[in-house]
């Protein structure tokens, strides 16, 4: 398969997805379902096998994806992973990159994003900063939102593709604003998740039927998307498979903390919430869903009442 220049409605002819984990695999599957030709890469053979079963054409490297695709979507676990991908792409010949646009959907530091934008710009490849708001479970159903930033012309070109795997995409202006908005949104997610856990444990100890309690809360002013998504996991006390693993979430918490420090903003609720996530990690729950903070609070209550 070779890249064929496309224009207008013909673009992109091929979409590449780099990173086929919890988020990337769902994105790739939705694109295939929408009728798009999708190539994908992940260093984990197991993830590649799963993606191949959904119709994704697996390639052997990020450069192979870049050579074939008109549009590259990256969903990566770390800044180092993005650095490595960009290093590979920028080593390619310019003719192999003609017409390529790259979109990073990961939640990473702004410095990392800006650095890689500049490296790609040097070889003529525009990068959009478009982190995703939503969990893996939401990605599976297309119930995610994109916080887009970068050149508006490139964003407009990508919107039909975004519509295939997200319920909404929001344009926030200059490059990096997407990441800034995502970090602020994740601060709220961190707090809402812990607040949900507190409410579940309090309801449990007070003797209420938790399913009924959650239905009542979901219909009123105390609800949140986080409450609605994670309270069922907390009621069942089941946190695997994770929609967001705690060890990955810790990276996001660190980014939020650094971001708030940069602007001199105190975050008392976020700081208190972060301590509970750290306790969950110390308990060996790194592979579990972030909803596992509920178990931490249950254990705290047991110790205090014991």
Protein backbone atom coordinates (compact mmCIF):
# COMPACT_ATOMS: atom_id res chain seq x y z
CA UNK A 1 0.00 0.00 0.00
CA UNK A 2 1.40 3.39 -0.98
CA UNK A 3 0.27 6.89 -0.18
CA UNK A 4 -1.79 8.58 -2.90
CA UNK A 5 -2.24 12.36 -2.62
CA UNK A 6 -5.84 13.23 -1.82
CA UNK A 7 -7.69 16.52 -1.98
CA UNK A 8 -10.83 17.83 -0.31
CA UNK A 9 -13.35 15.07 0.34
CA UNK A 10 -10.77 12.48 -0.73
CA UNK A 11 -8.52 13.34 2.23
CA UNK A 12 -7.42 11.38 4.11
CA UNK A 13 -7.35 8.22 2.04
CA UNK A 14 -5.50 6.34 4.78
CA UNK A 15 -5.46 7.05 8.53
CA UNK A 16 -2.62 5.80 10.69
CA UNK A 17 -3.08 5.12 14.41
CA UNK A 18 0.05 4.99 16.56
CA UNK A 19 -0.68 3.35 19.90
CA UNK A 20 -3.35 0.63 20.04
CA UNK A 21 -3.98 0.54 23.77
CA UNK A 22 -7.25 1.24 25.57
CA UNK A 23 -7.95 4.48 23.68
CA UNK A 24 -6.14 3.92 20.40
CA UNK A 25 -7.69 0.52 19.73
CA UNK A 26 -11.22 1.92 20.10
CA UNK A 27 -10.39 4.89 17.87
CA UNK A 28 -8.99 2.60 15.18
CA UNK A 29 -12.01 0.30 15.38
CA UNK A 30 -14.45 3.19 14.99
CA UNK A 31 -12.54 4.44 11.95
CA UNK A 32 -12.69 1.01 10.32
CA UNK A 33 -16.41 0.78 11.09
CA UNK A 34 -16.87 4.17 9.41
CA UNK A 35 -15.37 2.70 6.24
CA UNK A 36 -11.90 4.19 6.47
CA UNK A 37 -8.69 2.42 5.57
CA UNK A 38 -6.64 2.27 8.77
CA UNK A 39 -3.05 1.26 9.41
CA UNK A 40 -1.87 0.85 12.97
CA UNK A 41 1.24 0.30 15.04
CA UNK A 42 1.90 -0.66 18.64
CA UNK A 43 5.03 -2.17 20.20
CA UNK A 44 2.85 -4.72 22.02
CA UNK A 45 2.10 -7.74 19.77
CA UNK A 46 -1.02 -8.58 21.78
CA UNK A 47 -2.53 -5.16 21.08
CA UNK A 48 -1.66 -5.55 17.40
CA UNK A 49 -3.42 -8.92 17.25
CA UNK A 50 -6.58 -7.47 18.79
CA UNK A 51 -6.57 -4.50 16.42
CA UNK A 52 -6.02 -6.73 13.38
CA UNK A 53 -9.17 -8.65 14.33
CA UNK A 54 -11.17 -5.40 14.00
CA UNK A 55 -9.89 -4.71 10.49
CA UNK A 56 -6.83 -2.56 11.21
CA UNK A 57 -3.87 -3.18 8.90
CA UNK A 58 -0.90 -3.65 11.21
CA UNK A 59 2.46 -2.20 10.15
CA UNK A 60 5.89 -2.83 11.63
CA UNK A 61 6.88 0.69 12.68
CA UNK A 62 5.75 4.31 13.05
CA UNK A 63 7.67 5.15 9.88
CA UNK A 64 5.74 2.52 7.93
CA UNK A 65 2.51 4.10 9.14
CA UNK A 66 3.73 7.60 8.24
CA UNK A 67 4.78 6.47 4.78
CA UNK A 68 1.34 5.05 4.01
CA UNK A 69 -1.02 7.44 5.82
CA UNK A 70 -2.20 10.95 5.01
CA UNK A 71 -3.23 11.51 8.63
CA UNK A 72 -1.48 10.12 11.71
CA UNK A 73 -3.27 9.92 15.06
CA UNK A 74 -1.06 9.20 18.07
CA UNK A 75 -2.45 7.92 21.37
CA UNK A 76 0.61 7.30 23.52
CA UNK A 77 1.35 6.59 27.20
CA UNK A 78 4.28 8.93 27.76
CA UNK A 79 6.26 11.88 26.50
CA UNK A 80 9.15 9.54 25.73
CA UNK A 81 6.89 7.52 23.44
CA UNK A 82 5.96 10.66 21.49
CA UNK A 83 9.61 11.73 21.36
CA UNK A 84 10.54 8.34 19.90
CA UNK A 85 7.76 8.42 17.31
CA UNK A 86 8.68 11.93 16.18
CA UNK A 87 12.37 11.02 16.02
CA UNK A 88 11.50 8.16 13.68
CA UNK A 89 9.25 10.30 11.48
CA UNK A 90 11.71 13.18 11.19
CA UNK A 91 14.38 10.74 9.99
CA UNK A 92 12.33 9.93 6.88
CA UNK A 93 12.88 11.43 3.45
CA UNK A 94 10.76 14.51 2.72
CA UNK A 95 9.01 12.86 -0.23
CA UNK A 96 7.68 10.20 2.15
CA UNK A 97 6.09 12.87 4.32
CA UNK A 98 4.45 14.93 1.58
CA UNK A 99 0.95 16.01 2.65
CA UNK A 100 1.14 14.29 6.04
CA UNK A 101 -0.70 15.79 9.03
CA UNK A 102 -0.19 14.46 12.57
CA UNK A 103 -2.58 14.76 15.51
CA UNK A 104 -1.50 13.90 19.04
CA UNK A 105 -4.43 12.72 21.17
CA UNK A 106 -2.34 11.95 24.25
CA UNK A 107 -2.30 13.78 27.58
CA UNK A 108 1.32 14.89 27.93
CA UNK A 109 3.23 17.91 29.14
CA UNK A 110 2.92 21.09 27.12
CA UNK A 111 6.71 21.31 26.82
CA UNK A 112 6.78 17.86 25.22
CA UNK A 113 4.05 18.78 22.77
CA UNK A 114 5.66 22.08 21.76
CA UNK A 115 9.07 20.48 21.32
CA UNK A 116 7.68 17.79 19.04
CA UNK A 117 5.57 20.29 17.11
CA UNK A 118 8.75 22.21 16.32
CA UNK A 119 10.66 19.08 15.32
CA UNK A 120 7.89 18.03 12.94
CA UNK A 121 7.52 21.55 11.52
CA UNK A 122 11.19 21.42 10.53
CA UNK A 123 10.37 18.58 8.12
CA UNK A 124 7.09 20.12 6.92
CA UNK A 125 4.65 18.06 8.99
CA UNK A 126 2.03 20.04 10.97
CA UNK A 127 1.07 18.76 14.43
CA UNK A 128 -2.23 19.38 16.19
CA UNK A 129 -2.52 19.17 19.97
CA UNK A 130 -5.83 17.35 20.56
CA UNK A 131 -6.05 15.51 23.89
CA UNK A 132 -9.14 13.42 24.51
CA UNK A 133 -11.60 13.87 27.35
CA UNK A 134 -13.15 10.58 28.38
CA UNK A 135 -12.38 7.11 29.66
CA UNK A 136 -11.58 3.92 27.81
CA UNK A 137 -15.18 2.80 28.31
CA UNK A 138 -16.37 6.02 26.71
CA UNK A 139 -13.91 5.64 23.84
CA UNK A 140 -15.36 2.20 23.17
CA UNK A 141 -18.78 3.76 22.47
CA UNK A 142 -17.52 6.96 20.84
CA UNK A 143 -18.60 9.04 23.85
CA UNK A 144 -15.46 11.18 24.02
CA UNK A 145 -14.62 14.81 23.32
CA UNK A 146 -11.56 16.27 21.63
CA UNK A 147 -9.90 19.44 22.90
CA UNK A 148 -8.28 20.63 19.68
CA UNK A 149 -5.60 23.28 19.26
CA UNK A 150 -3.19 24.29 16.53
CA UNK A 151 -3.66 25.58 13.00
CA UNK A 152 -7.39 26.00 12.32
CA UNK A 153 -7.01 24.94 8.68
CA UNK A 154 -5.56 21.58 9.74
CA UNK A 155 -8.25 21.16 12.39
CA UNK A 156 -10.99 21.76 9.81
CA UNK A 157 -9.47 19.09 7.56
CA UNK A 158 -9.46 16.59 10.42
CA UNK A 159 -12.99 17.18 11.71
CA UNK A 160 -14.70 14.54 9.54
CA UNK A 161 -12.26 11.97 10.91
CA UNK A 162 -12.81 13.12 14.48
CA UNK A 163 -16.56 12.71 13.97
CA UNK A 164 -16.03 9.01 13.31
CA UNK A 165 -14.79 8.30 16.84
CA UNK A 166 -15.83 11.24 19.07
CA UNK A 167 -19.17 12.81 19.97
CA UNK A 168 -17.67 16.32 20.00
CA UNK A 169 -14.56 18.24 19.10
CA UNK A 170 -13.87 21.70 20.42
CA UNK A 171 -11.40 24.13 18.88
CA UNK A 172 -9.51 26.14 21.51
CA UNK A 173 -7.16 28.18 19.33
CA UNK A 174 -3.39 28.27 19.41
CA UNK A 175 -1.30 25.14 19.83
CA UNK A 176 -1.18 23.95 23.43
CA UNK A 177 -4.56 25.30 24.50
CA UNK A 178 -5.99 21.80 24.11
CA UNK A 179 -3.54 20.41 26.64
CA UNK A 180 -4.14 23.34 29.00
CA UNK A 181 -7.90 22.72 28.95
CA UNK A 182 -7.41 18.97 29.37
CA UNK A 183 -5.27 19.40 32.48
CA UNK A 184 -7.91 21.65 34.04
CA UNK A 185 -10.63 19.13 33.13
CA UNK A 186 -8.59 16.30 34.63
CA UNK A 187 -8.20 18.24 37.87
CA UNK A 188 -11.99 18.11 38.14
CA UNK A 189 -12.07 14.42 37.20
CA UNK A 190 -9.58 13.61 39.95
CA UNK A 191 -11.71 15.39 42.55
CA UNK A 192 -15.07 14.08 41.27
CA UNK A 193 -13.80 10.50 41.35
CA UNK A 194 -12.73 10.75 45.00
CA UNK A 195 -15.98 12.55 45.90
CA UNK A 196 -17.91 9.71 44.27
CA UNK A 197 -15.98 7.18 46.33
CA UNK A 198 -16.71 9.08 49.55
CA UNK A 199 -20.42 9.19 48.69
CA UNK A 200 -20.55 5.47 47.90
CA UNK A 201 -18.86 4.47 51.16
CA UNK A 202 -21.06 6.82 53.18
CA UNK A 203 -24.18 5.45 51.50
CA UNK A 204 -22.96 1.91 52.12
CA UNK A 205 -22.32 2.51 55.83
CA UNK A 206 -25.65 4.27 56.31
CA UNK A 207 -27.50 1.22 55.01
CA UNK A 208 -29.01 2.64 51.83
CA UNK A 209 -29.48 0.52 48.74
CA UNK A 210 -26.59 1.74 46.64
CA UNK A 211 -28.19 1.14 43.26
CA UNK A 212 -31.20 3.19 44.26
CA UNK A 213 -28.98 5.86 45.79
CA UNK A 214 -27.02 6.21 42.56
CA UNK A 215 -30.18 6.46 40.50
CA UNK A 216 -31.44 9.23 42.76
CA UNK A 217 -28.15 11.14 42.72
CA UNK A 218 -27.87 10.79 38.93
CA UNK A 219 -31.24 12.54 38.57
CA UNK A 220 -30.27 15.53 40.69
CA UNK A 221 -27.73 18.27 41.17
CA UNK A 222 -25.12 16.07 42.86
CA UNK A 223 -24.33 14.05 39.78
CA UNK A 224 -21.36 14.20 37.42
CA UNK A 225 -20.21 12.21 34.40
CA UNK A 226 -17.55 10.68 36.63
CA UNK A 227 -20.16 9.66 39.20
CA UNK A 228 -22.30 8.02 36.54
CA UNK A 229 -19.37 6.16 34.98
CA UNK A 230 -17.52 5.03 38.08
CA UNK A 231 -20.12 4.53 40.81
CA UNK A 232 -21.16 1.13 39.34
CA UNK A 233 -17.54 -0.07 39.58
CA UNK A 234 -17.34 1.13 43.17
CA UNK A 235 -20.60 -0.58 44.13
CA UNK A 236 -19.36 -3.89 42.69
CA UNK A 237 -15.85 -3.31 44.10
CA UNK A 238 -14.51 -4.48 40.71
CA UNK A 239 -11.76 -2.46 39.08
CA UNK A 240 -10.46 -4.66 36.28
CA UNK A 241 -10.31 -4.38 33.36
CA UNK A 242 -9.49 -0.72 33.90
CA UNK A 243 -10.90 2.12 31.82
CA UNK A 244 -7.99 4.23 33.14
CA UNK A 245 -5.20 2.44 34.98
CA UNK A 246 -4.00 4.04 38.18
CA UNK A 247 -0.35 3.86 37.17
CA UNK A 248 -1.13 5.76 33.95
CA UNK A 249 -3.37 8.20 35.83
CA UNK A 250 -0.47 9.05 38.13
CA UNK A 251 1.27 10.59 35.12
CA UNK A 252 -1.73 12.86 34.59
CA UNK A 253 -1.80 13.83 38.27
CA UNK A 254 1.86 14.83 38.10
CA UNK A 255 1.16 16.97 35.03
CA UNK A 256 -1.71 18.74 36.79
CA UNK A 257 0.41 19.40 39.86
CA UNK A 258 3.25 20.84 37.77
CA UNK A 259 0.79 22.96 35.79
CA UNK A 260 -0.83 24.43 38.91
CA UNK A 261 2.58 25.14 40.44
CA UNK A 262 3.67 26.93 37.27
CA UNK A 263 0.80 29.40 37.63
CA UNK A 264 1.02 29.69 41.42
CA UNK A 265 -2.45 28.25 42.03
CA UNK A 266 -3.10 26.37 45.27
CA UNK A 267 -5.25 23.25 44.81
CA UNK A 268 -6.35 21.98 48.24
CA UNK A 269 -9.03 19.59 46.98
CA UNK A 270 -6.82 18.21 44.23
CA UNK A 271 -3.92 17.76 46.66
CA UNK A 272 -6.11 15.84 49.10
CA UNK A 273 -7.43 13.67 46.27
CA UNK A 274 -3.93 12.96 44.97
CA UNK A 275 -2.93 11.48 48.33
CA UNK A 276 -5.65 8.84 47.97
CA UNK A 277 -4.48 7.86 44.50
CA UNK A 278 -0.96 7.52 45.90
CA UNK A 279 -2.33 5.22 48.61
CA UNK A 280 -4.03 3.08 45.98
CA UNK A 281 -0.74 2.74 44.11
CA UNK A 282 1.07 1.87 47.34
CA UNK A 283 -1.50 -0.90 47.84
CA UNK A 284 -0.40 -2.44 44.53
CA UNK A 285 -3.45 -1.31 42.55
CA UNK A 286 -1.54 0.24 39.64
CA UNK A 287 -3.25 -1.93 37.02
CA UNK A 288 -6.72 -1.25 38.43
CA UNK A 289 -9.19 1.45 37.46
CA UNK A 290 -8.97 4.82 39.18
CA UNK A 291 -12.30 3.95 40.82
CA UNK A 292 -10.23 1.74 43.15
CA UNK A 293 -9.77 4.78 45.40
CA UNK A 294 -13.10 3.62 46.80
CA UNK A 295 -11.34 0.59 48.28
CA UNK A 296 -8.77 2.89 49.87
CA UNK A 297 -11.54 4.86 51.57
CA UNK A 298 -13.30 1.64 52.64
CA UNK A 299 -10.06 0.45 54.23
CA UNK A 300 -9.60 3.79 56.00
CA UNK A 301 -13.11 3.56 57.43
CA UNK A 302 -12.53 -0.03 58.55
CA UNK A 303 -9.34 0.93 60.38
CA UNK A 304 -10.93 3.93 62.06
CA UNK A 305 -14.01 1.98 63.15
CA UNK A 306 -12.07 -1.15 64.11
